Amino acid sequence: MNAQDLKAMQAPIKERYRNDPGAAVVKAVATALDVSLKDARVFAEGDLDFRGTLGIAKDAPVRFREIRLKFELDSSSSKDQLQKLIELTERYCVVLQTIRNTPPVRVS
């Protein structure tokens, strides 16, 4: 594939999103499962020890000690469908999987 082929492939998608900006926002797992969501919110919170970040205590970690995610879904789907949605979202969420399975990081 070259740049021209890629642009040709992307053109109808870009045109659709220009004409219908709402179509560009997709919660992909819910769409794949045909789960109807009226509203969805994700709350993230975590605990950290500022002594590490501020360089006060060398034994204090410079990272979150714990991260908690809470999902609030407004849907007419069944509890089983919503449970499946949560399971597959955990499995295929790029951010969550990156946090759980930290890749090698190179700094230069």
PDB file of N, CA and C in Angstrom:
ATOM      1  N   MET A   1       0.851  -1.181   0.000  1.00  0.00           N
ATOM      2  CA  MET A   1       0.000   0.000   0.000  1.00  0.00           C
ATOM      3  C   MET A   1       0.890   1.235   0.000  1.00  0.00           C
ATOM      4  N   ASN A   2       0.501   2.201  -0.784  1.00  0.00           N
ATOM      5  CA  ASN A   2       1.236   3.464  -0.802  1.00  0.00           C
ATOM      6  C   ASN A   2       0.329   4.576  -0.275  1.00  0.00           C
ATOM      7  N   ALA A   3       0.865   5.785  -0.223  1.00  0.00           N
ATOM      8  CA  ALA A   3       0.127   6.918   0.351  1.00  0.00           C
ATOM      9  C   ALA A   3      -1.169   7.189  -0.410  1.00  0.00           C
ATOM     10  N   GLN A   4      -1.128   7.073  -1.728  1.00  0.00           N
ATOM     11  CA  GLN A   4      -2.322   7.331  -2.536  1.00  0.00           C
ATOM     12  C   GLN A   4      -3.418   6.290  -2.244  1.00  0.00           C
ATOM     13  N   ASP A   5      -3.033   5.026  -2.131  1.00  0.00           N
ATOM     14  CA  ASP A   5      -4.001   3.969  -1.808  1.00  0.00           C
ATOM     15  C   ASP A   5      -4.625   4.202  -0.432  1.00  0.00           C
ATOM     16  N   LEU A   6      -3.782   4.577   0.524  1.00  0.00           N
ATOM     17  CA  LEU A   6      -4.276   4.824   1.879  1.00  0.00           C
ATOM     18  C   LEU A   6      -5.267   5.988   1.891  1.00  0.00           C
ATOM     19  N   LYS A   7      -4.924   7.073   1.200  1.00  0.00           N
ATOM     20  CA  LYS A   7      -5.828   8.224   1.136  1.00  0.00           C
ATOM     21  C   LYS A   7      -7.155   7.855   0.490  1.00  0.00           C
ATOM     22  N   ALA A   8      -7.111   7.042  -0.561  1.00  0.00           N
ATOM     23  CA  ALA A   8      -8.333   6.613  -1.231  1.00  0.00           C
ATOM     24  C   ALA A   8      -9.198   5.755  -0.309  1.00  0.00           C
ATOM     25  N   MET A   9      -8.557   4.918   0.492  1.00  0.00           N
ATOM     26  CA  MET A   9      -9.283   4.059   1.420  1.00  0.00           C
ATOM     27  C   MET A   9      -9.910   4.884   2.550  1.00  0.00           C
ATOM     28  N   GLN A  10      -9.199   5.909   2.990  1.00  0.00           N
ATOM     29  CA  GLN A  10      -9.680   6.727   4.110  1.00  0.00           C
ATOM     30  C   GLN A  10     -10.701   7.775   3.684  1.00  0.00           C
ATOM     31  N   ALA A  11     -10.725   8.147   2.423  1.00  0.00           N
ATOM     32  CA  ALA A  11     -11.578   9.250   1.959  1.00  0.00           C
ATOM     33  C   ALA A  11     -13.049   9.089   2.332  1.00  0.00           C
ATOM     34  N   PRO A  12     -13.691   7.934   2.078  1.00  0.00           N
ATOM     35  CA  PRO A  12     -15.110   7.837   2.442  1.00  0.00           C
ATOM     36  C   PRO A  12     -15.345   7.888   3.952  1.00  0.00           C
ATOM     37  N   ILE A  13     -14.418   7.365   4.717  1.00  0.00           N
ATOM     38  CA  ILE A  13     -14.547   7.407   6.177  1.00  0.00           C
ATOM     39  C   ILE A  13     -14.441   8.851   6.661  1.00  0.00           C
ATOM     40  N   LYS A  14     -13.444   9.572   6.155  1.00  0.00           N
ATOM     41  CA  LYS A  14     -13.270  10.974   6.545  1.00  0.00           C
ATOM     42  C   LYS A  14     -14.486  11.808   6.152  1.00  0.00           C
ATOM     43  N   GLU A  15     -15.020  11.554   4.965  1.00  0.00           N
ATOM     44  CA  GLU A  15     -16.196  12.298   4.501  1.00  0.00           C
ATOM     45  C   GLU A  15     -17.397  12.037   5.416  1.00  0.00           C
ATOM     46  N   ARG A  16     -17.587  10.778   5.795  1.00  0.00           N
ATOM     47  CA  ARG A  16     -18.696  10.443   6.692  1.00  0.00           C
ATOM     48  C   ARG A  16     -18.558  11.173   8.023  1.00  0.00           C
ATOM     49  N   TYR A  17     -17.348  11.193   8.584  1.00  0.00           N
ATOM     50  CA  TYR A  17     -17.130  11.838   9.875  1.00  0.00           C
ATOM     51  C   TYR A  17     -17.245  13.354   9.780  1.00  0.00           C
ATOM     52  N   ARG A  18     -16.909  13.921   8.624  1.00  0.00           N
ATOM     53  CA  ARG A  18     -17.113  15.362   8.432  1.00  0.00           C
ATOM     54  C   ARG A  18     -18.604  15.688   8.433  1.00  0.00           C
ATOM     55  N   ASN A  19     -19.382  14.855   7.744  1.00  0.00           N
ATOM     56  CA  ASN A  19     -20.820  15.078   7.628  1.00  0.00           C
ATOM     57  C   ASN A  19     -21.597  14.688   8.879  1.00  0.00           C
ATOM     58  N   ASP A  20     -21.070  13.721   9.631  1.00  0.00           N
ATOM     59  CA  ASP A  20     -21.747  13.229  10.830  1.00  0.00           C
ATOM     60  C   ASP A  20     -20.716  13.016  11.934  1.00  0.00           C
ATOM     61  N   PRO A  21     -20.297  14.099  12.629  1.00  0.00           N
ATOM     62  CA  PRO A  21     -19.259  13.987  13.654  1.00  0.00           C
ATOM     63  C   PRO A  21     -19.586  12.957  14.738  1.00  0.00           C
ATOM     64  N   GLY A  22     -20.849  12.769  15.034  1.00  0.00           N
ATOM     65  CA  GLY A  22     -21.247  11.794  16.047  1.00  0.00           C
ATOM     66  C   GLY A  22     -20.878  10.366  15.666  1.00  0.00           C
ATOM     67  N   ALA A  23     -20.795  10.108  14.374  1.00  0.00           N
ATOM     68  CA  ALA A  23     -20.449   8.760  13.908  1.00  0.00           C
ATOM     69  C   ALA A  23     -18.996   8.407  14.214  1.00  0.00           C
ATOM     70  N   ALA A  24     -18.168   9.403  14.460  1.00  0.00           N
ATOM     71  CA  ALA A  24     -16.746   9.165  14.733  1.00  0.00           C
ATOM     72  C   ALA A  24     -16.497   8.714  16.164  1.00  0.00           C
ATOM     73  N   VAL A  25     -17.495   8.884  17.025  1.00  0.00           N
ATOM     74  CA  VAL A  25     -17.350   8.504  18.425  1.00  0.00           C
ATOM     75  C   VAL A  25     -18.040   7.164  18.614  1.00  0.00           C
ATOM     76  N   VAL A  26     -17.254   6.098  18.834  1.00  0.00           N
ATOM     77  CA  VAL A  26     -17.796   4.744  18.925  1.00  0.00           C
ATOM     78  C   VAL A  26     -17.186   4.045  20.142  1.00  0.00           C
ATOM     79  N   LYS A  27     -18.002   3.484  20.950  1.00  0.00           N
ATOM     80  CA  LYS A  27     -17.560   2.525  21.975  1.00  0.00           C
ATOM     81  C   LYS A  27     -17.585   1.174  21.303  1.00  0.00           C
ATOM     82  N   ALA A  28     -16.386   0.724  20.648  1.00  0.00           N
ATOM     83  CA  ALA A  28     -16.318  -0.355  19.665  1.00  0.00           C
ATOM     84  C   ALA A  28     -16.817  -1.701  20.182  1.00  0.00           C
ATOM     85  N   VAL A  29     -16.538  -2.055  21.417  1.00  0.00           N
ATOM     86  CA  VAL A  29     -16.956  -3.359  21.931  1.00  0.00           C
ATOM     87  C   VAL A  29     -18.474  -3.417  22.019  1.00  0.00           C
ATOM     88  N   ALA A  30     -19.097  -2.365  22.494  1.00  0.00           N
ATOM     89  CA  ALA A  30     -20.563  -2.332  22.586  1.00  0.00           C
ATOM     90  C   ALA A  30     -21.180  -2.452  21.200  1.00  0.00           C
ATOM     91  N   THR A  31     -20.599  -1.788  20.229  1.00  0.00           N
ATOM     92  CA  THR A  31     -21.112  -1.863  18.866  1.00  0.00           C
ATOM     93  C   THR A  31     -20.997  -3.279  18.326  1.00  0.00           C
ATOM     94  N   ALA A  32     -19.871  -3.928  18.550  1.00  0.00           N
ATOM     95  CA  ALA A  32     -19.666  -5.296  18.068  1.00  0.00           C
ATOM     96  C   ALA A  32     -20.641  -6.276  18.708  1.00  0.00           C
ATOM     97  N   LEU A  33     -21.003  -6.034  19.964  1.00  0.00           N
ATOM     98  CA  LEU A  33     -21.942  -6.916  20.665  1.00  0.00           C
ATOM     99  C   LEU A  33     -23.400  -6.510  20.447  1.00  0.00           C
ATOM    100  N   ASP A  34     -23.615  -5.417  19.729  1.00  0.00           N
ATOM    101  CA  ASP A  34     -24.952  -4.876  19.506  1.00  0.00           C
ATOM    102  C   ASP A  34     -25.632  -4.520  20.831  1.00  0.00           C
ATOM    103  N   VAL A  35     -24.843  -3.944  21.745  1.00  0.00           N
ATOM    104  CA  VAL A  35     -25.360  -3.470  23.031  1.00  0.00           C
ATOM    105  C   VAL A  35     -25.678  -1.989  22.871  1.00  0.00           C
ATOM    106  N   SER A  36     -26.902  -1.636  23.148  1.00  0.00           N
ATOM    107  CA  SER A  36     -27.335  -0.249  23.039  1.00  0.00           C
ATOM    108  C   SER A  36     -26.949   0.518  24.301  1.00  0.00           C
ATOM    109  N   LEU A  37     -26.209   1.596  24.132  1.00  0.00           N
ATOM    110  CA  LEU A  37     -25.835   2.448  25.258  1.00  0.00           C
ATOM    111  C   LEU A  37     -26.437   3.835  25.067  1.00  0.00           C
ATOM    112  N   LYS A  38     -27.230   4.261  26.024  1.00  0.00           N
ATOM    113  CA  LYS A  38     -27.755   5.625  26.005  1.00  0.00           C
ATOM    114  C   LYS A  38     -26.697   6.588  26.516  1.00  0.00           C
ATOM    115  N   ASP A  39     -25.933   6.112  27.495  1.00  0.00           N
ATOM    116  CA  ASP A  39     -24.870   6.926  28.086  1.00  0.00           C
ATOM    117  C   ASP A  39     -23.863   5.982  28.726  1.00  0.00           C
ATOM    118  N   ALA A  40     -22.625   6.377  28.752  1.00  0.00           N
ATOM    119  CA  ALA A  40     -21.576   5.583  29.401  1.00  0.00           C
ATOM    120  C   ALA A  40     -20.552   6.537  29.990  1.00  0.00           C
ATOM    121  N   ARG A  41     -20.163   6.241  31.214  1.00  0.00           N
ATOM    122  CA  ARG A  41     -19.148   7.056  31.892  1.00  0.00           C
ATOM    123  C   ARG A  41     -18.127   6.127  32.518  1.00  0.00           C
ATOM    124  N   VAL A  42     -16.880   6.552  32.470  1.00  0.00           N
ATOM    125  CA  VAL A  42     -15.806   5.810  33.116  1.00  0.00           C
ATOM    126  C   VAL A  42     -15.151   6.744  34.118  1.00  0.00           C
ATOM    127  N   PHE A  43     -15.049   6.283  35.338  1.00  0.00           N
ATOM    128  CA  PHE A  43     -14.401   7.054  36.395  1.00  0.00           C
ATOM    129  C   PHE A  43     -13.094   6.356  36.736  1.00  0.00           C
ATOM    130  N   ALA A  44     -12.014   7.098  36.779  1.00  0.00           N
ATOM    131  CA  ALA A  44     -10.709   6.544  37.129  1.00  0.00           C
ATOM    132  C   ALA A  44     -10.175   7.298  38.333  1.00  0.00           C
ATOM    133  N   GLU A  45      -9.688   6.543  39.302  1.00  0.00           N
ATOM    134  CA  GLU A  45      -9.058   7.149  40.468  1.00  0.00           C
ATOM    135  C   GLU A  45      -7.916   6.250  40.898  1.00  0.00           C
ATOM    136  N   GLY A  46      -7.002   6.803  41.627  1.00  0.00           N
ATOM    137  CA  GLY A  46      -5.868   6.010  42.064  1.00  0.00           C
ATOM    138  C   GLY A  46      -5.210   6.606  43.293  1.00  0.00           C
ATOM    139  N   ASP A  47      -4.318   5.806  43.867  1.00  0.00           N
ATOM    140  CA  ASP A  47      -3.585   6.211  45.060  1.00  0.00           C
ATOM    141  C   ASP A  47      -2.110   6.305  44.724  1.00  0.00           C
ATOM    142  N   LEU A  48      -1.491   7.380  45.189  1.00  0.00           N
ATOM    143  CA  LEU A  48      -0.048   7.506  45.041  1.00  0.00           C
ATOM    144  C   LEU A  48       0.533   8.152  46.278  1.00  0.00           C
ATOM    145  N   ASP A  49       1.807   7.918  46.483  1.00  0.00           N
ATOM    146  CA  ASP A  49       2.523   8.459  47.635  1.00  0.00           C
ATOM    147  C   ASP A  49       3.366   9.625  47.125  1.00  0.00           C
ATOM    148  N   PHE A  50       2.957  10.836  47.439  1.00  0.00           N
ATOM    149  CA  PHE A  50       3.659  12.015  46.936  1.00  0.00           C
ATOM    150  C   PHE A  50       5.092  12.129  47.443  1.00  0.00           C
ATOM    151  N   ARG A  51       5.445  11.384  48.487  1.00  0.00           N
ATOM    152  CA  ARG A  51       6.837  11.444  48.960  1.00  0.00           C
ATOM    153  C   ARG A  51       7.790  10.968  47.882  1.00  0.00           C
ATOM    154  N   GLY A  52       7.360   9.974  47.088  1.00  0.00           N
ATOM    155  CA  GLY A  52       8.205   9.490  45.995  1.00  0.00           C
ATOM    156  C   GLY A  52       8.338  10.515  44.883  1.00  0.00           C
ATOM    157  N   THR A  53       7.215  11.076  44.469  1.00  0.00           N
ATOM    158  CA  THR A  53       7.208  12.073  43.402  1.00  0.00           C
ATOM    159  C   THR A  53       7.989  13.325  43.776  1.00  0.00           C
ATOM    160  N   LEU A  54       7.923  13.698  45.055  1.00  0.00           N
ATOM    161  CA  LEU A  54       8.622  14.898  45.510  1.00  0.00           C
ATOM    162  C   LEU A  54      10.058  14.625  45.951  1.00  0.00           C
ATOM    163  N   GLY A  55      10.502  13.371  45.860  1.00  0.00           N
ATOM    164  CA  GLY A  55      11.877  13.029  46.217  1.00  0.00           C
ATOM    165  C   GLY A  55      12.159  13.103  47.708  1.00  0.00           C
ATOM    166  N   ILE A  56      11.141  12.934  48.525  1.00  0.00           N
ATOM    167  CA  ILE A  56      11.316  13.021  49.972  1.00  0.00           C
ATOM    168  C   ILE A  56      11.766  11.692  50.562  1.00  0.00           C
ATOM    169  N   ALA A  57      11.225  10.588  50.032  1.00  0.00           N
ATOM    170  CA  ALA A  57      11.553   9.252  50.553  1.00  0.00           C
ATOM    171  C   ALA A  57      11.922   8.336  49.393  1.00  0.00           C
ATOM    172  N   LYS A  58      13.162   7.845  49.398  1.00  0.00           N
ATOM    173  CA  LYS A  58      13.631   6.989  48.307  1.00  0.00           C
ATOM    174  C   LYS A  58      12.895   5.654  48.239  1.00  0.00           C
ATOM    175  N   ASP A  59      12.318   5.219  49.356  1.00  0.00           N
ATOM    176  CA  ASP A  59      11.604   3.940  49.363  1.00  0.00           C
ATOM    177  C   ASP A  59      10.147   4.085  48.909  1.00  0.00           C
ATOM    178  N   ALA A  60       9.681   5.305  48.702  1.00  0.00           N
ATOM    179  CA  ALA A  60       8.305   5.530  48.237  1.00  0.00           C
ATOM    180  C   ALA A  60       8.286   5.454  46.708  1.00  0.00           C
ATOM    181  N   PRO A  61       7.364   4.671  46.140  1.00  0.00           N
ATOM    182  CA  PRO A  61       7.325   4.518  44.688  1.00  0.00           C
ATOM    183  C   PRO A  61       6.895   5.801  43.976  1.00  0.00           C
ATOM    184  N   VAL A  62       7.447   6.000  42.784  1.00  0.00           N
ATOM    185  CA  VAL A  62       7.066   7.122  41.933  1.00  0.00           C
ATOM    186  C   VAL A  62       6.113   6.538  40.877  1.00  0.00           C
ATOM    187  N   ARG A  63       4.916   6.258  41.307  1.00  0.00           N
ATOM    188  CA  ARG A  63       3.897   5.661  40.444  1.00  0.00           C
ATOM    189  C   ARG A  63       2.612   5.559  41.258  1.00  0.00           C
ATOM    190  N   PHE A  64       1.535   5.204  40.574  1.00  0.00           N
ATOM    191  CA  PHE A  64       0.307   4.909  41.292  1.00  0.00           C
ATOM    192  C   PHE A  64       0.452   3.569  41.985  1.00  0.00           C
ATOM    193  N   ARG A  65       0.018   3.497  43.218  1.00  0.00           N
ATOM    194  CA  ARG A  65       0.018   2.226  43.953  1.00  0.00           C
ATOM    195  C   ARG A  65      -1.171   1.377  43.538  1.00  0.00           C
ATOM    196  N   GLU A  66      -2.263   2.042  43.206  1.00  0.00           N
ATOM    197  CA  GLU A  66      -3.474   1.338  42.795  1.00  0.00           C
ATOM    198  C   GLU A  66      -4.284   2.250  41.890  1.00  0.00           C
ATOM    199  N   ILE A  67      -4.921   1.653  40.895  1.00  0.00           N
ATOM    200  CA  ILE A  67      -5.815   2.386  39.997  1.00  0.00           C
ATOM    201  C   ILE A  67      -7.157   1.668  40.033  1.00  0.00           C
ATOM    202  N   ARG A  68      -8.226   2.443  40.188  1.00  0.00           N
ATOM    203  CA  ARG A  68      -9.570   1.875  40.214  1.00  0.00           C
ATOM    204  C   ARG A  68     -10.390   2.490  39.084  1.00  0.00           C
ATOM    205  N   LEU A  69     -11.079   1.641  38.324  1.00  0.00           N
ATOM    206  CA  LEU A  69     -11.955   2.090  37.250  1.00  0.00           C
ATOM    207  C   LEU A  69     -13.391   1.709  37.592  1.00  0.00           C
ATOM    208  N   LYS A  70     -14.302   2.625  37.371  1.00  0.00           N
ATOM    209  CA  LYS A  70     -15.714   2.366  37.613  1.00  0.00           C
ATOM    210  C   LYS A  70     -16.473   2.733  36.341  1.00  0.00           C
ATOM    211  N   PHE A  71     -17.313   1.821  35.886  1.00  0.00           N
ATOM    212  CA  PHE A  71     -18.109   2.041  34.688  1.00  0.00           C
ATOM    213  C   PHE A  71     -19.567   2.239  35.082  1.00  0.00           C
ATOM    214  N   GLU A  72     -20.186   3.296  34.569  1.00  0.00           N
ATOM    215  CA  GLU A  72     -21.609   3.518  34.735  1.00  0.00           C
ATOM    216  C   GLU A  72     -22.228   3.494  33.344  1.00  0.00           C
ATOM    217  N   LEU A  73     -23.086   2.508  33.119  1.00  0.00           N
ATOM    218  CA  LEU A  73     -23.689   2.309  31.807  1.00  0.00           C
ATOM    219  C   LEU A  73     -25.201   2.492  31.894  1.00  0.00           C
ATOM    220  N   ASP A  74     -25.735   3.319  31.015  1.00  0.00           N
ATOM    221  CA  ASP A  74     -27.178   3.489  30.910  1.00  0.00           C
ATOM    222  C   ASP A  74     -27.599   2.728  29.661  1.00  0.00           C
ATOM    223  N   SER A  75     -28.232   1.581  29.874  1.00  0.00           N
ATOM    224  CA  SER A  75     -28.553   0.701  28.763  1.00  0.00           C
ATOM    225  C   SER A  75     -29.800  -0.110  29.076  1.00  0.00           C
ATOM    226  N   SER A  76     -30.521  -0.451  28.034  1.00  0.00           N
ATOM    227  CA  SER A  76     -31.680  -1.330  28.190  1.00  0.00           C
ATOM    228  C   SER A  76     -31.281  -2.788  27.959  1.00  0.00           C
ATOM    229  N   SER A  77     -30.000  -3.046  27.759  1.00  0.00           N
ATOM    230  CA  SER A  77     -29.516  -4.405  27.527  1.00  0.00           C
ATOM    231  C   SER A  77     -29.606  -5.223  28.810  1.00  0.00           C
ATOM    232  N   SER A  78     -29.594  -6.538  28.656  1.00  0.00           N
ATOM    233  CA  SER A  78     -29.692  -7.427  29.812  1.00  0.00           C
ATOM    234  C   SER A  78     -28.419  -7.393  30.648  1.00  0.00           C
ATOM    235  N   LYS A  79     -28.537  -7.866  31.895  1.00  0.00           N
ATOM    236  CA  LYS A  79     -27.360  -7.929  32.769  1.00  0.00           C
ATOM    237  C   LYS A  79     -26.287  -8.826  32.169  1.00  0.00           C
ATOM    238  N   ASP A  80     -26.695  -9.912  31.536  1.00  0.00           N
ATOM    239  CA  ASP A  80     -25.723 -10.817  30.898  1.00  0.00           C
ATOM    240  C   ASP A  80     -24.983 -10.120  29.761  1.00  0.00           C
ATOM    241  N   GLN A  81     -25.711  -9.343  28.950  1.00  0.00           N
ATOM    242  CA  GLN A  81     -25.067  -8.607  27.864  1.00  0.00           C
ATOM    243  C   GLN A  81     -24.083  -7.584  28.404  1.00  0.00           C
ATOM    244  N   LEU A  82     -24.470  -6.881  29.459  1.00  0.00           N
ATOM    245  CA  LEU A  82     -23.584  -5.871  30.039  1.00  0.00           C
ATOM    246  C   LEU A  82     -22.359  -6.517  30.675  1.00  0.00           C
ATOM    247  N   GLN A  83     -22.541  -7.669  31.309  1.00  0.00           N
ATOM    248  CA  GLN A  83     -21.403  -8.382  31.894  1.00  0.00           C
ATOM    249  C   GLN A  83     -20.429  -8.802  30.796  1.00  0.00           C
ATOM    250  N   LYS A  84     -20.965  -9.291  29.680  1.00  0.00           N
ATOM    251  CA  LYS A  84     -20.122  -9.687  28.544  1.00  0.00           C
ATOM    252  C   LYS A  84     -19.394  -8.464  27.983  1.00  0.00           C
ATOM    253  N   LEU A  85     -20.084  -7.340  27.924  1.00  0.00           N
ATOM    254  CA  LEU A  85     -19.472  -6.095  27.461  1.00  0.00           C
ATOM    255  C   LEU A  85     -18.285  -5.721  28.336  1.00  0.00           C
ATOM    256  N   ILE A  86     -18.458  -5.797  29.654  1.00  0.00           N
ATOM    257  CA  ILE A  86     -17.378  -5.459  30.578  1.00  0.00           C
ATOM    258  C   ILE A  86     -16.204  -6.430  30.408  1.00  0.00           C
ATOM    259  N   GLU A  87     -16.499  -7.719  30.317  1.00  0.00           N
ATOM    260  CA  GLU A  87     -15.437  -8.721  30.154  1.00  0.00           C
ATOM    261  C   GLU A  87     -14.629  -8.474  28.886  1.00  0.00           C
ATOM    262  N   LEU A  88     -15.310  -8.236  27.775  1.00  0.00           N
ATOM    263  CA  LEU A  88     -14.597  -8.027  26.512  1.00  0.00           C
ATOM    264  C   LEU A  88     -13.884  -6.682  26.469  1.00  0.00           C
ATOM    265  N   THR A  89     -14.469  -5.677  27.128  1.00  0.00           N
ATOM    266  CA  THR A  89     -13.795  -4.378  27.200  1.00  0.00           C
ATOM    267  C   THR A  89     -12.481  -4.522  27.966  1.00  0.00           C
ATOM    268  N   GLU A  90     -12.516  -5.252  29.081  1.00  0.00           N
ATOM    269  CA  GLU A  90     -11.271  -5.492  29.826  1.00  0.00           C
ATOM    270  C   GLU A  90     -10.256  -6.225  28.959  1.00  0.00           C
ATOM    271  N   ARG A  91     -10.719  -7.174  28.200  1.00  0.00           N
ATOM    272  CA  ARG A  91      -9.815  -7.994  27.376  1.00  0.00           C
ATOM    273  C   ARG A  91      -9.190  -7.206  26.226  1.00  0.00           C
ATOM    274  N   TYR A  92      -9.971  -6.321  25.597  1.00  0.00           N
ATOM    275  CA  TYR A  92      -9.500  -5.646  24.387  1.00  0.00           C
ATOM    276  C   TYR A  92      -9.177  -4.166  24.565  1.00  0.00           C
ATOM    277  N   CYS A  93      -9.271  -3.628  25.768  1.00  0.00           N
ATOM    278  CA  CYS A  93      -8.948  -2.221  26.000  1.00  0.00           C
ATOM    279  C   CYS A  93      -7.436  -2.019  25.928  1.00  0.00           C
ATOM    280  N   VAL A  94      -6.997  -1.259  24.960  1.00  0.00           N
ATOM    281  CA  VAL A  94      -5.564  -1.036  24.750  1.00  0.00           C
ATOM    282  C   VAL A  94      -4.919  -0.365  25.961  1.00  0.00           C
ATOM    283  N   VAL A  95      -5.584   0.619  26.544  1.00  0.00           N
ATOM    284  CA  VAL A  95      -5.020   1.321  27.693  1.00  0.00           C
ATOM    285  C   VAL A  95      -4.894   0.386  28.891  1.00  0.00           C
ATOM    286  N   LEU A  96      -5.959  -0.335  29.206  1.00  0.00           N
ATOM    287  CA  LEU A  96      -5.925  -1.250  30.343  1.00  0.00           C
ATOM    288  C   LEU A  96      -4.873  -2.341  30.151  1.00  0.00           C
ATOM    289  N   GLN A  97      -4.803  -2.914  28.969  1.00  0.00           N
ATOM    290  CA  GLN A  97      -3.819  -3.975  28.724  1.00  0.00           C
ATOM    291  C   GLN A  97      -2.392  -3.446  28.785  1.00  0.00           C
ATOM    292  N   THR A  98      -2.185  -2.201  28.369  1.00  0.00           N
ATOM    293  CA  THR A  98      -0.849  -1.604  28.464  1.00  0.00           C
ATOM    294  C   THR A  98      -0.454  -1.389  29.916  1.00  0.00           C
ATOM    295  N   ILE A  99      -1.420  -0.965  30.750  1.00  0.00           N
ATOM    296  CA  ILE A  99      -1.130  -0.780  32.174  1.00  0.00           C
ATOM    297  C   ILE A  99      -0.849  -2.131  32.840  1.00  0.00           C
ATOM    298  N   ARG A 100      -1.656  -3.123  32.537  1.00  0.00           N
ATOM    299  CA  ARG A 100      -1.490  -4.450  33.164  1.00  0.00           C
ATOM    300  C   ARG A 100      -0.231  -5.176  32.671  1.00  0.00           C
ATOM    301  N   ASN A 101       0.126  -4.974  31.431  1.00  0.00           N
ATOM    302  CA  ASN A 101       1.262  -5.679  30.813  1.00  0.00           C
ATOM    303  C   ASN A 101       2.217  -4.651  30.233  1.00  0.00           C
ATOM    304  N   THR A 102       2.943  -4.003  31.100  1.00  0.00           N
ATOM    305  CA  THR A 102       3.807  -2.882  30.696  1.00  0.00           C
ATOM    306  C   THR A 102       4.800  -3.298  29.623  1.00  0.00           C
ATOM    307  N   PRO A 103       4.795  -2.606  28.498  1.00  0.00           N
ATOM    308  CA  PRO A 103       5.765  -2.916  27.443  1.00  0.00           C
ATOM    309  C   PRO A 103       7.133  -2.311  27.784  1.00  0.00           C
ATOM    310  N   PRO A 104       8.165  -2.779  27.108  1.00  0.00           N
ATOM    311  CA  PRO A 104       9.482  -2.153  27.308  1.00  0.00           C
ATOM    312  C   PRO A 104       9.413  -0.682  26.872  1.00  0.00           C
ATOM    313  N   VAL A 105      10.089   0.166  27.618  1.00  0.00           N
ATOM    314  CA  VAL A 105      10.122   1.597  27.303  1.00  0.00           C
ATOM    315  C   VAL A 105      11.572   1.988  27.087  1.00  0.00           C
ATOM    316  N   ARG A 106      11.803   2.698  26.015  1.00  0.00           N
ATOM    317  CA  ARG A 106      13.164   3.175  25.719  1.00  0.00           C
ATOM    318  C   ARG A 106      13.184   4.683  25.806  1.00  0.00           C
ATOM    319  N   VAL A 107      14.184   5.206  26.462  1.00  0.00           N
ATOM    320  CA  VAL A 107      14.368   6.652  26.579  1.00  0.00           C
ATOM    321  C   VAL A 107      15.719   6.992  25.986  1.00  0.00           C
ATOM    322  N   SER A 108      15.723   8.001  25.126  1.00  0.00           N
ATOM    323  CA  SER A 108      17.018   8.406  24.545  1.00  0.00           C
ATOM    324  C   SER A 108      17.128   9.916  24.511  1.00  0.00           C
TER     325      SER A 108
END
